[in-house]
Amino acid sequence: MADPRTQAPGDAFERYVLPEIEVMLRVATSLTRNPVEAEDLVQDTLVRAYRGIDGFDGRYPRAWLLTILRNTHINRNRKRRPELLADPDRTNDRSMEAAGPDRVDDFVDNSFDAEIIDALDSLDAPFRSVVELVDIDGLTYAEAAETLAIPVGTVMSRLHRARSRIRERLARTGLAPRSTE
């Protein structure tokens, strides 16, 4: 593997950063929960990565980029702390009566999706972020650990507990079988 520090910044950027943009966008969307903010976050991350490519050793580009992304996200949130108090309106006014017979399956799917989203949203941030990175964004345990700056064992533990809590919540609503453990 060529050391990016010996390459022209544009070449190193093209080789190590550009292939990871899709993953960065998925992770940014998970972090921000807003596609426009996610794109802005990725753009800020790309600028920082381009500026810092000379210091990158070429090992684990995804982890390096996701660390930059996470730190950029944290810094952006620190700057606009008052906006974090606002809770976006996420209600769904659709009812079973409004759904015609041919739309019942869509309604059931939407209800299940809404319950999954509610279950995920009910998790504390450390648990939710691990589920989003591993189960939704497809990162490995090691990549999620690097992104969150926590040990791999902590990722595994949080993921196990988060999945259990989601299963329990779905079982209480009748959308998942109850555990016999």
C-alpha atoms as a PDB file:
ATOM      1  CA  MET A   1       0.000   0.000   0.000  1.00  0.00           C
ATOM      2  CA  ALA A   2       1.427   3.370  -1.004  1.00  0.00           C
ATOM      3  CA  ASP A   3       1.902   5.935   1.730  1.00  0.00           C
ATOM      4  CA  PRO A   4      -0.391   8.903   0.971  1.00  0.00           C
ATOM      5  CA  ARG A   5       2.174  11.237   2.505  1.00  0.00           C
ATOM      6  CA  THR A   6       4.422  10.560  -0.501  1.00  0.00           C
ATOM      7  CA  GLN A   7       1.634  11.133  -3.056  1.00  0.00           C
ATOM      8  CA  ALA A   8       0.220  14.390  -4.380  1.00  0.00           C
ATOM      9  CA  PRO A   9      -2.682  15.457  -2.137  1.00  0.00           C
ATOM     10  CA  GLY A  10      -5.170  15.135  -5.008  1.00  0.00           C
ATOM     11  CA  ASP A  11      -4.031  11.590  -5.818  1.00  0.00           C
ATOM     12  CA  ALA A  12      -4.187  10.466  -2.185  1.00  0.00           C
ATOM     13  CA  PHE A  13      -7.575  12.099  -1.737  1.00  0.00           C
ATOM     14  CA  GLU A  14      -8.921  10.375  -4.841  1.00  0.00           C
ATOM     15  CA  ARG A  15      -7.533   7.001  -3.773  1.00  0.00           C
ATOM     16  CA  TYR A  16      -8.475   6.955  -0.080  1.00  0.00           C
ATOM     17  CA  VAL A  17     -11.347   9.394   0.390  1.00  0.00           C
ATOM     18  CA  LEU A  18     -13.589   9.360  -2.668  1.00  0.00           C
ATOM     19  CA  PRO A  19     -14.454   5.625  -2.433  1.00  0.00           C
ATOM     20  CA  GLU A  20     -15.792   6.205   1.106  1.00  0.00           C
ATOM     21  CA  ILE A  21     -18.222   9.045   0.334  1.00  0.00           C
ATOM     22  CA  GLU A  22     -21.284   6.766   0.183  1.00  0.00           C
ATOM     23  CA  VAL A  23     -20.513   5.259   3.598  1.00  0.00           C
ATOM     24  CA  MET A  24     -19.826   8.710   5.017  1.00  0.00           C
ATOM     25  CA  LEU A  25     -23.181   9.932   3.728  1.00  0.00           C
ATOM     26  CA  ARG A  26     -25.035   6.976   5.314  1.00  0.00           C
ATOM     27  CA  VAL A  27     -23.306   7.550   8.656  1.00  0.00           C
ATOM     28  CA  ALA A  28     -23.885  11.310   8.465  1.00  0.00           C
ATOM     29  CA  THR A  29     -27.574  10.706   7.770  1.00  0.00           C
ATOM     30  CA  SER A  30     -27.741   8.441  10.817  1.00  0.00           C
ATOM     31  CA  LEU A  31     -26.064  11.062  12.961  1.00  0.00           C
ATOM     32  CA  THR A  32     -28.059  14.064  11.764  1.00  0.00           C
ATOM     33  CA  ARG A  33     -31.329  12.391  10.757  1.00  0.00           C
ATOM     34  CA  ASN A  34     -31.611  15.037   8.072  1.00  0.00           C
ATOM     35  CA  PRO A  35     -30.408  14.450   4.492  1.00  0.00           C
ATOM     36  CA  VAL A  36     -29.504  18.100   3.882  1.00  0.00           C
ATOM     37  CA  GLU A  37     -27.523  18.362   7.122  1.00  0.00           C
ATOM     38  CA  ALA A  38     -25.882  15.037   6.307  1.00  0.00           C
ATOM     39  CA  GLU A  39     -24.671  16.364   2.963  1.00  0.00           C
ATOM     40  CA  ASP A  40     -23.299  19.476   4.663  1.00  0.00           C
ATOM     41  CA  LEU A  41     -21.574  17.339   7.269  1.00  0.00           C
ATOM     42  CA  VAL A  42     -19.971  15.154   4.600  1.00  0.00           C
ATOM     43  CA  GLN A  43     -18.860  18.265   2.705  1.00  0.00           C
ATOM     44  CA  ASP A  44     -17.222  19.680   5.851  1.00  0.00           C
ATOM     45  CA  THR A  45     -15.600  16.301   6.459  1.00  0.00           C
ATOM     46  CA  LEU A  46     -14.250  16.172   2.905  1.00  0.00           C
ATOM     47  CA  VAL A  47     -12.698  19.622   3.290  1.00  0.00           C
ATOM     48  CA  ARG A  48     -11.036  18.594   6.557  1.00  0.00           C
ATOM     49  CA  ALA A  49      -9.852  15.318   5.042  1.00  0.00           C
ATOM     50  CA  TYR A  50      -8.351  17.119   2.056  1.00  0.00           C
ATOM     51  CA  ARG A  51      -6.518  19.518   4.365  1.00  0.00           C
ATOM     52  CA  GLY A  52      -5.248  16.646   6.512  1.00  0.00           C
ATOM     53  CA  ILE A  53      -4.445  14.062   3.825  1.00  0.00           C
ATOM     54  CA  ASP A  54      -0.714  14.812   4.126  1.00  0.00           C
ATOM     55  CA  GLY A  55      -0.778  13.505   7.707  1.00  0.00           C
ATOM     56  CA  PHE A  56      -2.737  10.334   6.887  1.00  0.00           C
ATOM     57  CA  ASP A  57      -0.662   7.129   6.824  1.00  0.00           C
ATOM     58  CA  GLY A  58      -2.900   5.178   4.440  1.00  0.00           C
ATOM     59  CA  ARG A  59      -4.131   2.651   6.981  1.00  0.00           C
ATOM     60  CA  TYR A  60      -7.856   2.308   7.630  1.00  0.00           C
ATOM     61  CA  PRO A  61      -9.165   5.205   5.531  1.00  0.00           C
ATOM     62  CA  ARG A  62     -12.788   4.531   6.487  1.00  0.00           C
ATOM     63  CA  ALA A  63     -12.045   4.701  10.198  1.00  0.00           C
ATOM     64  CA  TRP A  64      -9.958   7.854   9.672  1.00  0.00           C
ATOM     65  CA  LEU A  65     -12.745   9.539   7.708  1.00  0.00           C
ATOM     66  CA  LEU A  66     -15.517   8.485  10.078  1.00  0.00           C
ATOM     67  CA  THR A  67     -13.516   9.840  12.996  1.00  0.00           C
ATOM     68  CA  ILE A  68     -13.229  13.178  11.193  1.00  0.00           C
ATOM     69  CA  LEU A  69     -16.963  13.019  10.434  1.00  0.00           C
ATOM     70  CA  ARG A  70     -17.858  12.280  14.062  1.00  0.00           C
ATOM     71  CA  ASN A  71     -15.639  15.054  15.403  1.00  0.00           C
ATOM     72  CA  THR A  72     -17.001  17.501  12.831  1.00  0.00           C
ATOM     73  CA  HIS A  73     -20.546  16.561  13.849  1.00  0.00           C
ATOM     74  CA  ILE A  74     -19.738  17.073  17.534  1.00  0.00           C
ATOM     75  CA  ASN A  75     -18.150  20.450  16.847  1.00  0.00           C
ATOM     76  CA  ARG A  76     -21.089  21.594  14.727  1.00  0.00           C
ATOM     77  CA  ASN A  77     -23.533  20.628  17.478  1.00  0.00           C
ATOM     78  CA  ARG A  78     -21.535  22.489  20.110  1.00  0.00           C
ATOM     79  CA  LYS A  79     -21.841  25.656  18.046  1.00  0.00           C
ATOM     80  CA  ARG A  80     -25.629  25.433  17.767  1.00  0.00           C
ATOM     81  CA  ARG A  81     -26.595  23.945  21.118  1.00  0.00           C
ATOM     82  CA  PRO A  82     -29.872  25.940  21.405  1.00  0.00           C
ATOM     83  CA  GLU A  83     -31.187  24.309  18.213  1.00  0.00           C
ATOM     84  CA  LEU A  84     -30.801  20.889  19.832  1.00  0.00           C
ATOM     85  CA  LEU A  85     -33.682  21.671  22.182  1.00  0.00           C
ATOM     86  CA  ALA A  86     -36.164  21.794  19.299  1.00  0.00           C
ATOM     87  CA  ASP A  87     -38.010  18.524  18.715  1.00  0.00           C
ATOM     88  CA  PRO A  88     -39.058  18.047  15.084  1.00  0.00           C
ATOM     89  CA  ASP A  89     -42.707  17.207  14.544  1.00  0.00           C
ATOM     90  CA  ARG A  90     -42.678  13.537  13.554  1.00  0.00           C
ATOM     91  CA  THR A  91     -46.332  12.582  13.939  1.00  0.00           C
ATOM     92  CA  ASN A  92     -48.120  10.364  11.483  1.00  0.00           C
ATOM     93  CA  ASP A  93     -51.815  11.265  11.167  1.00  0.00           C
ATOM     94  CA  ARG A  94     -52.626   8.379   8.875  1.00  0.00           C
ATOM     95  CA  SER A  95     -55.223   6.020  10.300  1.00  0.00           C
ATOM     96  CA  MET A  96     -56.572   2.610   9.380  1.00  0.00           C
ATOM     97  CA  GLU A  97     -59.868   4.204   8.291  1.00  0.00           C
ATOM     98  CA  ALA A  98     -58.068   6.427   5.788  1.00  0.00           C
ATOM     99  CA  ALA A  99     -56.392   3.399   4.233  1.00  0.00           C
ATOM    100  CA  GLY A 100     -58.488   1.620   1.625  1.00  0.00           C
ATOM    101  CA  PRO A 101     -58.575  -2.202   1.374  1.00  0.00           C
ATOM    102  CA  ASP A 102     -55.784  -2.165  -1.188  1.00  0.00           C
ATOM    103  CA  ARG A 103     -53.689   0.027   1.131  1.00  0.00           C
ATOM    104  CA  VAL A 104     -53.904  -2.106   4.292  1.00  0.00           C
ATOM    105  CA  ASP A 105     -50.583  -3.825   3.602  1.00  0.00           C
ATOM    106  CA  ASP A 106     -48.935  -0.443   3.124  1.00  0.00           C
ATOM    107  CA  PHE A 107     -50.457   0.733   6.392  1.00  0.00           C
ATOM    108  CA  VAL A 108     -49.213  -2.347   8.264  1.00  0.00           C
ATOM    109  CA  ASP A 109     -45.732  -1.892   6.782  1.00  0.00           C
ATOM    110  CA  ASN A 110     -45.753   1.787   7.710  1.00  0.00           C
ATOM    111  CA  SER A 111     -46.997   0.984  11.216  1.00  0.00           C
ATOM    112  CA  PHE A 112     -44.243  -1.587  11.669  1.00  0.00           C
ATOM    113  CA  ASP A 113     -41.650   0.863  10.318  1.00  0.00           C
ATOM    114  CA  ALA A 114     -42.956   3.563  12.637  1.00  0.00           C
ATOM    115  CA  GLU A 115     -42.735   1.209  15.607  1.00  0.00           C
ATOM    116  CA  ILE A 116     -39.154   0.268  14.684  1.00  0.00           C
ATOM    117  CA  ILE A 117     -38.252   3.952  14.407  1.00  0.00           C
ATOM    118  CA  ASP A 118     -39.904   4.656  17.759  1.00  0.00           C
ATOM    119  CA  ALA A 119     -38.047   1.734  19.344  1.00  0.00           C
ATOM    120  CA  LEU A 120     -34.770   2.988  17.937  1.00  0.00           C
ATOM    121  CA  ASP A 121     -35.509   6.556  19.024  1.00  0.00           C
ATOM    122  CA  SER A 122     -36.330   5.370  22.548  1.00  0.00           C
ATOM    123  CA  LEU A 123     -32.796   4.047  22.995  1.00  0.00           C
ATOM    124  CA  ASP A 124     -30.245   6.168  24.787  1.00  0.00           C
ATOM    125  CA  ALA A 125     -27.845   7.845  22.345  1.00  0.00           C
ATOM    126  CA  PRO A 126     -24.885   5.477  22.958  1.00  0.00           C
ATOM    127  CA  PHE A 127     -27.024   2.433  22.158  1.00  0.00           C
ATOM    128  CA  ARG A 128     -28.819   4.059  19.226  1.00  0.00           C
ATOM    129  CA  SER A 129     -25.574   5.184  17.598  1.00  0.00           C
ATOM    130  CA  VAL A 130     -24.133   1.645  17.702  1.00  0.00           C
ATOM    131  CA  VAL A 131     -27.286   0.173  16.119  1.00  0.00           C
ATOM    132  CA  GLU A 132     -27.253   2.836  13.423  1.00  0.00           C
ATOM    133  CA  LEU A 133     -23.594   2.317  12.578  1.00  0.00           C
ATOM    134  CA  VAL A 134     -23.576  -1.494  12.613  1.00  0.00           C
ATOM    135  CA  ASP A 135     -27.096  -2.576  11.667  1.00  0.00           C
ATOM    136  CA  ILE A 136     -28.163   0.310   9.448  1.00  0.00           C
ATOM    137  CA  ASP A 137     -24.923   1.617   7.959  1.00  0.00           C
ATOM    138  CA  GLY A 138     -23.225  -1.786   7.739  1.00  0.00           C
ATOM    139  CA  LEU A 139     -20.011  -0.895   9.532  1.00  0.00           C
ATOM    140  CA  THR A 140     -17.989  -3.636  11.182  1.00  0.00           C
ATOM    141  CA  TYR A 141     -17.635  -3.667  14.947  1.00  0.00           C
ATOM    142  CA  ALA A 142     -14.074  -2.371  14.570  1.00  0.00           C
ATOM    143  CA  GLU A 143     -15.155   0.479  12.276  1.00  0.00           C
ATOM    144  CA  ALA A 144     -17.976   1.454  14.636  1.00  0.00           C
ATOM    145  CA  ALA A 145     -15.580   1.336  17.585  1.00  0.00           C
ATOM    146  CA  GLU A 146     -13.120   3.568  15.750  1.00  0.00           C
ATOM    147  CA  THR A 147     -15.884   5.969  14.717  1.00  0.00           C
ATOM    148  CA  LEU A 148     -17.215   6.266  18.264  1.00  0.00           C
ATOM    149  CA  ALA A 149     -13.759   6.132  19.907  1.00  0.00           C
ATOM    150  CA  ILE A 150     -14.769   3.222  22.152  1.00  0.00           C
ATOM    151  CA  PRO A 151     -13.459  -0.350  22.499  1.00  0.00           C
ATOM    152  CA  VAL A 152     -14.837  -3.078  20.219  1.00  0.00           C
ATOM    153  CA  GLY A 153     -16.161  -4.947  23.261  1.00  0.00           C
ATOM    154  CA  THR A 154     -18.222  -1.916  24.210  1.00  0.00           C
ATOM    155  CA  VAL A 155     -19.694  -1.830  20.708  1.00  0.00           C
ATOM    156  CA  MET A 156     -20.649  -5.495  20.988  1.00  0.00           C
ATOM    157  CA  SER A 157     -22.145  -5.063  24.458  1.00  0.00           C
ATOM    158  CA  ARG A 158     -24.159  -1.970  23.519  1.00  0.00           C
ATOM    159  CA  LEU A 159     -25.376  -3.603  20.332  1.00  0.00           C
ATOM    160  CA  HIS A 160     -26.553  -6.701  22.218  1.00  0.00           C
ATOM    161  CA  ARG A 161     -28.389  -4.623  24.821  1.00  0.00           C
ATOM    162  CA  ALA A 162     -29.894  -2.310  22.193  1.00  0.00           C
ATOM    163  CA  ARG A 163     -31.182  -5.205  20.086  1.00  0.00           C
ATOM    164  CA  SER A 164     -32.682  -6.805  23.205  1.00  0.00           C
ATOM    165  CA  ARG A 165     -34.473  -3.584  24.110  1.00  0.00           C
ATOM    166  CA  ILE A 166     -35.843  -3.201  20.592  1.00  0.00           C
ATOM    167  CA  ARG A 167     -37.070  -6.826  20.609  1.00  0.00           C
ATOM    168  CA  GLU A 168     -38.728  -6.333  24.016  1.00  0.00           C
ATOM    169  CA  ARG A 169     -40.488  -3.189  22.836  1.00  0.00           C
ATOM    170  CA  LEU A 170     -41.728  -4.869  19.657  1.00  0.00           C
ATOM    171  CA  ALA A 171     -42.937  -7.864  21.679  1.00  0.00           C
ATOM    172  CA  ARG A 172     -44.920  -5.551  23.980  1.00  0.00           C
ATOM    173  CA  THR A 173     -46.666  -4.051  20.952  1.00  0.00           C
ATOM    174  CA  GLY A 174     -47.355  -7.493  19.475  1.00  0.00           C
ATOM    175  CA  LEU A 175     -45.012  -7.012  16.507  1.00  0.00           C
ATOM    176  CA  ALA A 176     -42.404  -9.582  17.560  1.00  0.00           C
ATOM    177  CA  PRO A 177     -42.553 -12.942  19.278  1.00  0.00           C
ATOM    178  CA  ARG A 178     -41.931 -12.861  22.986  1.00  0.00           C
ATOM    179  CA  SER A 179     -38.593 -14.245  24.094  1.00  0.00           C
ATOM    180  CA  THR A 180     -38.673 -17.595  25.885  1.00  0.00           C
ATOM    181  CA  GLU A 181     -35.322 -16.987  27.593  1.00  0.00           C
END
